[in-house]
Full PDB file with SEQRES, HELIX, SHEET, SSBOND, CRYST1, ORIGX, SCALE, CONECT and MASTER records, all heavy atoms in Angstrom:
SEQRES   1 A   33  PRO ASP ASP GLY LEU VAL THR VAL GLY GLY GLU THR LEU          
SEQRES   2 A   33  TRP ASP ALA ARG HIS GLY LYS LYS PRO LYS GLU THR LYS          
SEQRES   3 A   33  HIS LEU ARG THR VAL ARG GLY                                  
HELIX    1 AA1 ARG A   17  GLY A   19  5                                   3    
HELIX    2 AA2 LYS A   26  ARG A   32  1                                   7    
SHEET    1 AA1 2 LEU A   5  VAL A   8  0                                        
SHEET    2 AA1 2 GLU A  11  ASP A  15 -1                                        
CRYST1    1.000    1.000    1.000  90.00  90.00  90.00 P 1           1          
ORIGX1      1.000000  0.000000  0.000000        0.00000                         
ORIGX2      0.000000  1.000000  0.000000        0.00000                         
ORIGX3      0.000000  0.000000  1.000000        0.00000                         
SCALE1      1.000000  0.000000  0.000000        0.00000                         
SCALE2      0.000000  1.000000  0.000000        0.00000                         
SCALE3      0.000000  0.000000  1.000000        0.00000                         
ATOM      1  N   PRO A   1       7.078  -0.927  -3.547  1.00  0.00           N  
ATOM      2  CA  PRO A   1       7.844   0.239  -3.483  1.00  0.00           C  
ATOM      3  C   PRO A   1       8.761   0.311  -2.202  1.00  0.00           C  
ATOM      4  O   PRO A   1       8.476  -0.189  -1.248  1.00  0.00           O  
ATOM      5  CB  PRO A   1       6.813   1.381  -3.502  1.00  0.00           C  
ATOM      6  CG  PRO A   1       5.611   0.764  -2.952  1.00  0.00           C  
ATOM      7  CD  PRO A   1       5.618  -0.700  -3.262  1.00  0.00           C  
ATOM      8  N   ASP A   2       9.834   1.040  -2.370  1.00  0.00           N  
ATOM      9  CA  ASP A   2      10.782   1.269  -1.221  1.00  0.00           C  
ATOM     10  C   ASP A   2      10.383   2.431  -0.353  1.00  0.00           C  
ATOM     11  O   ASP A   2      10.710   2.608   0.761  1.00  0.00           O  
ATOM     12  CB  ASP A   2      12.263   1.538  -1.797  1.00  0.00           C  
ATOM     13  CG  ASP A   2      12.730   0.340  -2.579  1.00  0.00           C  
ATOM     14  OD1 ASP A   2      12.496  -0.853  -2.248  1.00  0.00           O  
ATOM     15  OD2 ASP A   2      13.367   0.623  -3.570  1.00  0.00           O  
ATOM     16  N   ASP A   3       9.679   3.346  -0.957  1.00  0.00           N  
ATOM     17  CA  ASP A   3       9.313   4.637  -0.254  1.00  0.00           C  
ATOM     18  C   ASP A   3       8.070   5.069  -0.996  1.00  0.00           C  
ATOM     19  O   ASP A   3       7.763   4.904  -2.146  1.00  0.00           O  
ATOM     20  CB  ASP A   3      10.321   5.651  -0.308  1.00  0.00           C  
ATOM     21  CG  ASP A   3      10.144   6.639   0.822  1.00  0.00           C  
ATOM     22  OD1 ASP A   3       9.147   6.562   1.622  1.00  0.00           O  
ATOM     23  OD2 ASP A   3      11.049   7.611   0.953  1.00  0.00           O  
ATOM     24  N   GLY A   4       7.213   5.930  -0.137  1.00  0.00           N  
ATOM     25  CA  GLY A   4       6.204   6.607  -0.818  1.00  0.00           C  
ATOM     26  C   GLY A   4       4.718   5.979  -0.511  1.00  0.00           C  
ATOM     27  O   GLY A   4       4.634   4.938   0.141  1.00  0.00           O  
ATOM     28  N   LEU A   5       3.709   6.518  -1.048  1.00  0.00           N  
ATOM     29  CA  LEU A   5       2.291   6.119  -0.848  1.00  0.00           C  
ATOM     30  C   LEU A   5       1.639   5.948  -2.169  1.00  0.00           C  
ATOM     31  O   LEU A   5       1.726   6.790  -3.086  1.00  0.00           O  
ATOM     32  CB  LEU A   5       1.553   7.147   0.055  1.00  0.00           C  
ATOM     33  CG  LEU A   5       0.125   6.987   0.279  1.00  0.00           C  
ATOM     34  CD1 LEU A   5      -0.081   5.722   1.259  1.00  0.00           C  
ATOM     35  CD2 LEU A   5      -0.534   8.132   0.922  1.00  0.00           C  
ATOM     36  N   VAL A   6       0.914   4.803  -2.300  1.00  0.00           N  
ATOM     37  CA  VAL A   6       0.140   4.597  -3.480  1.00  0.00           C  
ATOM     38  C   VAL A   6      -1.313   4.306  -3.023  1.00  0.00           C  
ATOM     39  O   VAL A   6      -1.557   3.388  -2.216  1.00  0.00           O  
ATOM     40  CB  VAL A   6       0.642   3.358  -4.285  1.00  0.00           C  
ATOM     41  CG1 VAL A   6      -0.165   3.113  -5.503  1.00  0.00           C  
ATOM     42  CG2 VAL A   6       2.212   3.547  -4.611  1.00  0.00           C  
ATOM     43  N   THR A   7      -2.237   5.061  -3.598  1.00  0.00           N  
ATOM     44  CA  THR A   7      -3.668   4.746  -3.444  1.00  0.00           C  
ATOM     45  C   THR A   7      -4.427   4.507  -4.672  1.00  0.00           C  
ATOM     46  O   THR A   7      -4.013   4.925  -5.756  1.00  0.00           O  
ATOM     47  CB  THR A   7      -4.325   5.905  -2.655  1.00  0.00           C  
ATOM     48  OG1 THR A   7      -4.294   7.135  -3.419  1.00  0.00           O  
ATOM     49  CG2 THR A   7      -3.610   6.292  -1.351  1.00  0.00           C  
ATOM     50  N   VAL A   8      -5.370   3.635  -4.566  1.00  0.00           N  
ATOM     51  CA  VAL A   8      -6.340   3.336  -5.651  1.00  0.00           C  
ATOM     52  C   VAL A   8      -7.729   3.493  -5.197  1.00  0.00           C  
ATOM     53  O   VAL A   8      -8.220   2.868  -4.123  1.00  0.00           O  
ATOM     54  CB  VAL A   8      -6.102   1.867  -6.124  1.00  0.00           C  
ATOM     55  CG1 VAL A   8      -7.175   1.525  -7.235  1.00  0.00           C  
ATOM     56  CG2 VAL A   8      -4.774   1.664  -6.674  1.00  0.00           C  
ATOM     57  N   GLY A   9      -8.485   4.432  -5.879  1.00  0.00           N  
ATOM     58  CA  GLY A   9      -9.916   4.655  -5.352  1.00  0.00           C  
ATOM     59  C   GLY A   9      -9.947   5.242  -4.065  1.00  0.00           C  
ATOM     60  O   GLY A   9     -10.910   4.968  -3.330  1.00  0.00           O  
ATOM     61  N   GLY A  10      -8.911   6.035  -3.631  1.00  0.00           N  
ATOM     62  CA  GLY A  10      -8.952   6.564  -2.300  1.00  0.00           C  
ATOM     63  C   GLY A  10      -8.462   5.693  -1.249  1.00  0.00           C  
ATOM     64  O   GLY A  10      -8.482   5.998  -0.020  1.00  0.00           O  
ATOM     65  N   GLU A  11      -8.154   4.365  -1.528  1.00  0.00           N  
ATOM     66  CA  GLU A  11      -7.741   3.431  -0.541  1.00  0.00           C  
ATOM     67  C   GLU A  11      -6.269   3.187  -0.664  1.00  0.00           C  
ATOM     68  O   GLU A  11      -5.710   3.038  -1.718  1.00  0.00           O  
ATOM     69  CB  GLU A  11      -8.550   2.170  -0.524  1.00  0.00           C  
ATOM     70  CG  GLU A  11     -10.037   2.400  -0.255  1.00  0.00           C  
ATOM     71  CD  GLU A  11     -10.702   1.001  -0.039  1.00  0.00           C  
ATOM     72  OE1 GLU A  11     -10.640   0.353   1.051  1.00  0.00           O  
ATOM     73  OE2 GLU A  11     -11.305   0.537  -1.130  1.00  0.00           O  
ATOM     74  N   THR A  12      -5.603   2.946   0.478  1.00  0.00           N  
ATOM     75  CA  THR A  12      -4.182   2.717   0.411  1.00  0.00           C  
ATOM     76  C   THR A  12      -3.828   1.340  -0.151  1.00  0.00           C  
ATOM     77  O   THR A  12      -4.405   0.288   0.319  1.00  0.00           O  
ATOM     78  CB  THR A  12      -3.552   2.771   1.763  1.00  0.00           C  
ATOM     79  OG1 THR A  12      -3.729   4.100   2.349  1.00  0.00           O  
ATOM     80  CG2 THR A  12      -2.071   2.485   1.755  1.00  0.00           C  
ATOM     81  N   LEU A  13      -3.027   1.374  -1.225  1.00  0.00           N  
ATOM     82  CA  LEU A  13      -2.535   0.101  -1.793  1.00  0.00           C  
ATOM     83  C   LEU A  13      -1.151  -0.179  -1.078  1.00  0.00           C  
ATOM     84  O   LEU A  13      -0.991  -1.388  -0.691  1.00  0.00           O  
ATOM     85  CB  LEU A  13      -2.385   0.266  -3.281  1.00  0.00           C  
ATOM     86  CG  LEU A  13      -1.877  -1.024  -4.063  1.00  0.00           C  
ATOM     87  CD1 LEU A  13      -2.975  -2.063  -3.989  1.00  0.00           C  
ATOM     88  CD2 LEU A  13      -1.551  -0.677  -5.479  1.00  0.00           C  
ATOM     89  N   TRP A  14      -0.241   0.729  -1.147  1.00  0.00           N  
ATOM     90  CA  TRP A  14       1.107   0.575  -0.491  1.00  0.00           C  
ATOM     91  C   TRP A  14       1.380   1.850   0.324  1.00  0.00           C  
ATOM     92  O   TRP A  14       1.121   2.965  -0.117  1.00  0.00           O  
ATOM     93  CB  TRP A  14       2.242   0.497  -1.607  1.00  0.00           C  
ATOM     94  CG  TRP A  14       2.215  -0.702  -2.501  1.00  0.00           C  
ATOM     95  CD1 TRP A  14       2.140  -0.684  -3.855  1.00  0.00           C  
ATOM     96  CD2 TRP A  14       2.444  -2.069  -2.045  1.00  0.00           C  
ATOM     97  NE1 TRP A  14       2.177  -2.026  -4.304  1.00  0.00           N  
ATOM     98  CE2 TRP A  14       2.443  -2.874  -3.217  1.00  0.00           C  
ATOM     99  CE3 TRP A  14       2.738  -2.727  -0.830  1.00  0.00           C  
ATOM    100  CZ2 TRP A  14       2.702  -4.212  -3.179  1.00  0.00           C  
ATOM    101  CZ3 TRP A  14       2.995  -3.966  -0.813  1.00  0.00           C  
ATOM    102  CH2 TRP A  14       2.978  -4.813  -1.944  1.00  0.00           C  
ATOM    103  N   ASP A  15       1.909   1.624   1.559  1.00  0.00           N  
ATOM    104  CA  ASP A  15       2.302   2.752   2.350  1.00  0.00           C  
ATOM    105  C   ASP A  15       3.764   2.408   2.727  1.00  0.00           C  
ATOM    106  O   ASP A  15       4.007   1.659   3.610  1.00  0.00           O  
ATOM    107  CB  ASP A  15       1.471   2.936   3.541  1.00  0.00           C  
ATOM    108  CG  ASP A  15       1.820   4.207   4.293  1.00  0.00           C  
ATOM    109  OD1 ASP A  15       2.919   4.783   4.092  1.00  0.00           O  
ATOM    110  OD2 ASP A  15       1.095   4.574   5.260  1.00  0.00           O  
ATOM    111  N   ALA A  16       4.783   2.904   2.009  1.00  0.00           N  
ATOM    112  CA  ALA A  16       6.097   2.667   2.255  1.00  0.00           C  
ATOM    113  C   ALA A  16       6.874   3.956   2.719  1.00  0.00           C  
ATOM    114  O   ALA A  16       8.039   4.058   2.705  1.00  0.00           O  
ATOM    115  CB  ALA A  16       6.860   2.015   1.089  1.00  0.00           C  
ATOM    116  N   ARG A  17       6.102   4.894   3.256  1.00  0.00           N  
ATOM    117  CA  ARG A  17       6.630   6.165   3.738  1.00  0.00           C  
ATOM    118  C   ARG A  17       7.632   5.998   4.820  1.00  0.00           C  
ATOM    119  O   ARG A  17       7.498   5.087   5.657  1.00  0.00           O  
ATOM    120  CB  ARG A  17       5.560   7.217   4.072  1.00  0.00           C  
ATOM    121  CG  ARG A  17       4.800   7.741   2.830  1.00  0.00           C  
ATOM    122  CD  ARG A  17       3.600   8.534   3.309  1.00  0.00           C  
ATOM    123  NE  ARG A  17       2.528   7.697   4.040  1.00  0.00           N  
ATOM    124  CZ  ARG A  17       1.358   8.247   4.509  1.00  0.00           C  
ATOM    125  NH1 ARG A  17       1.039   9.426   4.173  1.00  0.00           N  
ATOM    126  NH2 ARG A  17       0.542   7.381   5.087  1.00  0.00           N  
ATOM    127  N   HIS A  18       8.643   6.826   4.717  1.00  0.00           N  
ATOM    128  CA  HIS A  18       9.733   6.879   5.913  1.00  0.00           C  
ATOM    129  C   HIS A  18      10.353   5.552   6.021  1.00  0.00           C  
ATOM    130  O   HIS A  18      10.823   5.108   7.091  1.00  0.00           O  
ATOM    131  CB  HIS A  18       9.058   7.283   7.215  1.00  0.00           C  
ATOM    132  CG  HIS A  18       8.092   8.384   7.178  1.00  0.00           C  
ATOM    133  ND1 HIS A  18       8.480   9.700   6.665  1.00  0.00           N  
ATOM    134  CD2 HIS A  18       6.816   8.503   7.407  1.00  0.00           C  
ATOM    135  CE1 HIS A  18       7.429  10.500   6.692  1.00  0.00           C  
ATOM    136  NE2 HIS A  18       6.437   9.774   7.102  1.00  0.00           N  
ATOM    137  N   GLY A  19      10.602   4.795   4.797  1.00  0.00           N  
ATOM    138  CA  GLY A  19      11.310   3.562   4.841  1.00  0.00           C  
ATOM    139  C   GLY A  19      10.592   2.391   5.471  1.00  0.00           C  
ATOM    140  O   GLY A  19      11.117   1.321   5.691  1.00  0.00           O  
ATOM    141  N   LYS A  20       9.270   2.611   5.750  1.00  0.00           N  
ATOM    142  CA  LYS A  20       8.457   1.563   6.315  1.00  0.00           C  
ATOM    143  C   LYS A  20       8.300   0.477   5.315  1.00  0.00           C  
ATOM    144  O   LYS A  20       7.861   0.747   4.193  1.00  0.00           O  
ATOM    145  CB  LYS A  20       7.026   2.202   6.757  1.00  0.00           C  
ATOM    146  CG  LYS A  20       6.041   1.129   7.240  1.00  0.00           C  
ATOM    147  CD  LYS A  20       4.749   1.939   7.385  1.00  0.00           C  
ATOM    148  CE  LYS A  20       3.684   0.964   7.859  1.00  0.00           C  
ATOM    149  NZ  LYS A  20       2.311   1.727   8.023  1.00  0.00           N  
ATOM    150  N   LYS A  21       8.571  -0.789   5.769  1.00  0.00           N  
ATOM    151  CA  LYS A  21       8.353  -1.956   4.762  1.00  0.00           C  
ATOM    152  C   LYS A  21       6.951  -2.330   4.630  1.00  0.00           C  
ATOM    153  O   LYS A  21       6.419  -2.964   5.647  1.00  0.00           O  
ATOM    154  CB  LYS A  21       9.329  -3.068   5.134  1.00  0.00           C  
ATOM    155  CG  LYS A  21       9.313  -4.255   4.253  1.00  0.00           C  
ATOM    156  CD  LYS A  21      10.025  -3.883   2.936  1.00  0.00           C  
ATOM    157  CE  LYS A  21      10.185  -5.077   2.041  1.00  0.00           C  
ATOM    158  NZ  LYS A  21      10.833  -4.793   0.613  1.00  0.00           N  
ATOM    159  N   PRO A  22       6.201  -2.154   3.557  1.00  0.00           N  
ATOM    160  CA  PRO A  22       4.888  -2.680   3.511  1.00  0.00           C  
ATOM    161  C   PRO A  22       4.724  -4.175   3.435  1.00  0.00           C  
ATOM    162  O   PRO A  22       5.605  -4.783   2.874  1.00  0.00           O  
ATOM    163  CB  PRO A  22       4.330  -1.925   2.275  1.00  0.00           C  
ATOM    164  CG  PRO A  22       5.469  -1.686   1.378  1.00  0.00           C  
ATOM    165  CD  PRO A  22       6.713  -1.508   2.306  1.00  0.00           C  
ATOM    166  N   LYS A  23       3.653  -4.595   3.861  1.00  0.00           N  
ATOM    167  CA  LYS A  23       3.333  -6.085   3.797  1.00  0.00           C  
ATOM    168  C   LYS A  23       2.039  -6.362   3.071  1.00  0.00           C  
ATOM    169  O   LYS A  23       1.213  -5.374   3.040  1.00  0.00           O  
ATOM    170  CB  LYS A  23       3.229  -6.603   5.282  1.00  0.00           C  
ATOM    171  CG  LYS A  23       4.575  -6.481   6.096  1.00  0.00           C  
ATOM    172  CD  LYS A  23       4.337  -7.053   7.481  1.00  0.00           C  
ATOM    173  CE  LYS A  23       5.659  -6.897   8.333  1.00  0.00           C  
ATOM    174  NZ  LYS A  23       5.400  -7.343   9.688  1.00  0.00           N  
ATOM    175  N   GLU A  24       1.978  -7.554   2.518  1.00  0.00           N  
ATOM    176  CA  GLU A  24       0.756  -7.910   1.863  1.00  0.00           C  
ATOM    177  C   GLU A  24      -0.363  -8.268   2.808  1.00  0.00           C  
ATOM    178  O   GLU A  24       0.009  -9.076   3.833  1.00  0.00           O  
ATOM    179  CB  GLU A  24       1.004  -9.101   0.850  1.00  0.00           C  
ATOM    180  CG  GLU A  24      -0.322  -9.460   0.171  1.00  0.00           C  
ATOM    181  CD  GLU A  24      -0.004 -10.333  -1.099  1.00  0.00           C  
ATOM    182  OE1 GLU A  24       1.044 -10.115  -1.732  1.00  0.00           O  
ATOM    183  OE2 GLU A  24      -0.899 -11.104  -1.408  1.00  0.00           O  
ATOM    184  N   THR A  25      -1.397  -7.685   2.721  1.00  0.00           N  
ATOM    185  CA  THR A  25      -2.521  -7.897   3.774  1.00  0.00           C  
ATOM    186  C   THR A  25      -3.850  -8.220   2.922  1.00  0.00           C  
ATOM    187  O   THR A  25      -3.921  -8.069   1.673  1.00  0.00           O  
ATOM    188  CB  THR A  25      -2.773  -6.690   4.599  1.00  0.00           C  
ATOM    189  OG1 THR A  25      -3.082  -5.594   3.767  1.00  0.00           O  
ATOM    190  CG2 THR A  25      -1.510  -6.232   5.351  1.00  0.00           C  
ATOM    191  N   LYS A  26      -4.866  -8.581   3.687  1.00  0.00           N  
ATOM    192  CA  LYS A  26      -6.068  -8.890   3.057  1.00  0.00           C  
ATOM    193  C   LYS A  26      -6.636  -7.622   2.471  1.00  0.00           C  
ATOM    194  O   LYS A  26      -7.233  -7.560   1.383  1.00  0.00           O  
ATOM    195  CB  LYS A  26      -7.113  -9.361   4.027  1.00  0.00           C  
ATOM    196  CG  LYS A  26      -8.518  -9.715   3.482  1.00  0.00           C  
ATOM    197  CD  LYS A  26      -9.350 -10.316   4.647  1.00  0.00           C  
ATOM    198  CE  LYS A  26     -10.766 -10.691   4.018  1.00  0.00           C  
ATOM    199  NZ  LYS A  26     -11.668 -11.224   5.018  1.00  0.00           N  
ATOM    200  N   HIS A  27      -6.475  -6.480   3.148  1.00  0.00           N  
ATOM    201  CA  HIS A  27      -6.809  -5.101   2.599  1.00  0.00           C  
ATOM    202  C   HIS A  27      -6.226  -4.866   1.232  1.00  0.00           C  
ATOM    203  O   HIS A  27      -6.794  -4.422   0.366  1.00  0.00           O  
ATOM    204  CB  HIS A  27      -6.649  -4.012   3.697  1.00  0.00           C  
ATOM    205  CG  HIS A  27      -6.875  -2.665   3.179  1.00  0.00           C  
ATOM    206  ND1 HIS A  27      -8.094  -2.069   3.012  1.00  0.00           N  
ATOM    207  CD2 HIS A  27      -5.958  -1.669   2.648  1.00  0.00           C  
ATOM    208  CE1 HIS A  27      -8.048  -0.953   2.532  1.00  0.00           C  
ATOM    209  NE2 HIS A  27      -6.686  -0.597   2.246  1.00  0.00           N  
ATOM    210  N   LEU A  28      -4.877  -5.112   1.142  1.00  0.00           N  
ATOM    211  CA  LEU A  28      -4.110  -4.852   0.033  1.00  0.00           C  
ATOM    212  C   LEU A  28      -4.656  -5.673  -1.144  1.00  0.00           C  
ATOM    213  O   LEU A  28      -4.881  -5.171  -2.269  1.00  0.00           O  
ATOM    214  CB  LEU A  28      -2.659  -5.177   0.183  1.00  0.00           C  
ATOM    215  CG  LEU A  28      -1.704  -5.005  -0.914  1.00  0.00           C  
ATOM    216  CD1 LEU A  28      -0.313  -4.545  -0.456  1.00  0.00           C  
ATOM    217  CD2 LEU A  28      -1.512  -6.289  -1.735  1.00  0.00           C  
ATOM    218  N   ARG A  29      -5.024  -6.946  -0.922  1.00  0.00           N  
ATOM    219  CA  ARG A  29      -5.561  -7.726  -1.908  1.00  0.00           C  
ATOM    220  C   ARG A  29      -6.938  -7.257  -2.373  1.00  0.00           C  
ATOM    221  O   ARG A  29      -7.245  -7.311  -3.578  1.00  0.00           O  
ATOM    222  CB  ARG A  29      -5.704  -9.170  -1.498  1.00  0.00           C  
ATOM    223  CG  ARG A  29      -4.271  -9.908  -1.243  1.00  0.00           C  
ATOM    224  CD  ARG A  29      -4.388 -11.305  -1.064  1.00  0.00           C  
ATOM    225  NE  ARG A  29      -5.059 -11.742   0.193  1.00  0.00           N  
ATOM    226  CZ  ARG A  29      -4.361 -11.857   1.305  1.00  0.00           C  
ATOM    227  NH1 ARG A  29      -2.947 -11.614   1.412  1.00  0.00           N  
ATOM    228  NH2 ARG A  29      -4.893 -12.133   2.488  1.00  0.00           N  
ATOM    229  N   THR A  30      -7.682  -6.703  -1.401  1.00  0.00           N  
ATOM    230  CA  THR A  30      -9.007  -6.144  -1.854  1.00  0.00           C  
ATOM    231  C   THR A  30      -8.809  -4.891  -2.642  1.00  0.00           C  
ATOM    232  O   THR A  30      -9.543  -4.842  -3.703  1.00  0.00           O  
ATOM    233  CB  THR A  30      -9.742  -5.772  -0.528  1.00  0.00           C  
ATOM    234  OG1 THR A  30      -9.974  -6.914   0.325  1.00  0.00           O  
ATOM    235  CG2 THR A  30     -11.119  -5.185  -0.822  1.00  0.00           C  
ATOM    236  N   VAL A  31      -7.980  -4.040  -2.346  1.00  0.00           N  
ATOM    237  CA  VAL A  31      -7.676  -2.893  -3.134  1.00  0.00           C  
ATOM    238  C   VAL A  31      -7.105  -3.252  -4.501  1.00  0.00           C  
ATOM    239  O   VAL A  31      -7.553  -2.755  -5.502  1.00  0.00           O  
ATOM    240  CB  VAL A  31      -6.767  -1.889  -2.543  1.00  0.00           C  
ATOM    241  CG1 VAL A  31      -6.506  -0.651  -3.315  1.00  0.00           C  
ATOM    242  CG2 VAL A  31      -7.409  -1.412  -1.123  1.00  0.00           C  
ATOM    243  N   ARG A  32      -6.217  -4.174  -4.484  1.00  0.00           N  
ATOM    244  CA  ARG A  32      -5.541  -4.763  -5.702  1.00  0.00           C  
ATOM    245  C   ARG A  32      -6.691  -5.353  -6.680  1.00  0.00           C  
ATOM    246  O   ARG A  32      -6.595  -5.256  -7.962  1.00  0.00           O  
ATOM    247  CB  ARG A  32      -4.531  -5.775  -5.390  1.00  0.00           C  
ATOM    248  CG  ARG A  32      -4.316  -6.929  -6.355  1.00  0.00           C  
ATOM    249  CD  ARG A  32      -3.435  -6.444  -7.503  1.00  0.00           C  
ATOM    250  NE  ARG A  32      -3.360  -7.446  -8.513  1.00  0.00           N  
ATOM    251  CZ  ARG A  32      -4.257  -7.861  -9.365  1.00  0.00           C  
ATOM    252  NH1 ARG A  32      -5.409  -7.187  -9.444  1.00  0.00           N  
ATOM    253  NH2 ARG A  32      -4.028  -8.877 -10.200  1.00  0.00           N  
ATOM    254  N   GLY A  33      -7.887  -5.781  -6.087  1.00  0.00           N  
ATOM    255  CA  GLY A  33      -8.914  -6.284  -6.942  1.00  0.00           C  
ATOM    256  C   GLY A  33      -9.588  -5.304  -7.769  1.00  0.00           C  
ATOM    257  O   GLY A  33     -10.264  -5.683  -8.776  1.00  0.00           O  
TER     258      GLY A  33                                                      
MASTER        0    0    0    2    2    0    0    6  257    1    0    3          
END                                                                             
């Protein structure tokens, strides 16, 4: 996403608020699972 916040099960999947460019991390892959 270009902007906004996405959570799954209460955990952050993407945090692109305020134009912040999110990056793929180990945490993201865990939530994605």
